[in-house]
Protein backbone atom coordinates (compact mmCIF):
# COMPACT_ATOMS: atom_id res chain seq x y z
CA MET A 1 23.26 82.60 87.02
CA PHE A 2 23.29 84.43 90.93
CA PRO A 3 26.33 82.04 91.65
CA LEU A 4 29.10 83.33 89.56
CA ARG A 5 27.96 86.94 89.23
CA ALA A 6 29.39 87.59 93.10
CA ASN A 7 33.47 88.48 93.10
CA LEU A 8 35.98 86.06 93.38
CA LEU A 9 38.21 86.84 96.39
CA ASP A 10 41.48 88.33 95.11
CA ASP A 11 44.21 87.62 97.71
CA GLU A 12 47.44 85.93 95.57
CA ASN A 13 46.57 83.37 98.96
CA LEU A 14 43.25 82.38 98.39
CA VAL A 15 42.44 82.94 95.02
CA ARG A 16 43.30 79.32 94.64
CA LEU A 17 40.79 78.26 96.38
CA GLN A 18 37.54 80.00 93.90
CA LEU A 19 36.02 81.51 96.77
CA ARG A 20 33.36 83.96 95.94
CA TYR A 21 31.62 86.29 98.39
CA VAL A 22 28.41 88.98 98.67
CA ILE A 23 27.59 91.31 101.20
CA ALA A 24 24.79 91.42 103.36
CA HIS A 25 24.63 94.33 105.54
CA ASP A 26 27.78 93.72 108.14
CA TYR A 27 28.27 90.50 107.13
CA LEU A 28 30.13 88.41 104.29
CA LEU A 29 29.01 84.90 102.99
CA PHE A 30 31.78 83.24 101.50
CA TYR A 31 31.15 80.17 99.26
CA LYS A 32 32.28 78.00 96.16
CA TYR A 33 30.18 76.99 93.41
CA SER A 34 30.06 73.12 91.36
CA GLU A 35 29.02 74.12 88.24
CA ALA A 36 28.96 70.02 87.87
CA ASP A 37 25.82 69.90 90.11
CA ASN A 38 24.89 73.36 90.21
CA THR A 39 25.67 73.33 93.50
CA VAL A 40 26.45 76.40 96.21
CA TYR A 41 28.77 75.19 99.03
CA ILE A 42 28.78 78.16 101.76
CA GLU A 43 32.55 77.75 103.26
CA SER A 44 31.77 80.80 106.06
CA ILE A 45 30.26 83.51 107.37
CA LEU A 46 31.99 86.78 108.48
CA ASN A 47 31.42 89.81 110.16
CA GLY A 48 33.20 92.50 107.23
CA LYS A 49 34.26 94.17 110.59
CA ILE A 50 37.24 91.94 111.09
CA ASP A 51 39.99 91.03 108.81
CA TYR A 52 38.47 88.51 106.86
CA VAL A 53 41.66 87.17 104.70
CA ARG A 54 43.48 86.71 107.93
CA VAL A 55 41.04 84.75 108.99
CA LEU A 56 40.31 82.23 106.03
CA LYS A 57 44.24 82.30 105.90
CA GLU A 58 43.81 80.50 109.36
CA ARG A 59 41.22 78.62 108.65
CA LEU A 60 43.23 77.11 105.73
CA SER A 61 46.26 76.79 107.51
CA ARG A 62 44.48 74.20 109.90
CA GLN A 63 42.67 72.46 106.96
CA LYS A 64 46.44 71.41 105.21
């Protein structure tokens, strides 16, 4: 199944979010997959040239 084939983030602070990502040209698409309702939730699309771990951590800290 496609949603589960992508890699999970391996950053110790972000791994609990269960975010997966796929690479599309210069971009990284971050998403969560819900097996319960068989749905993919797009969390973020970021340019791969930036420090995406820092950006995701900043967004996470704002959500708390």
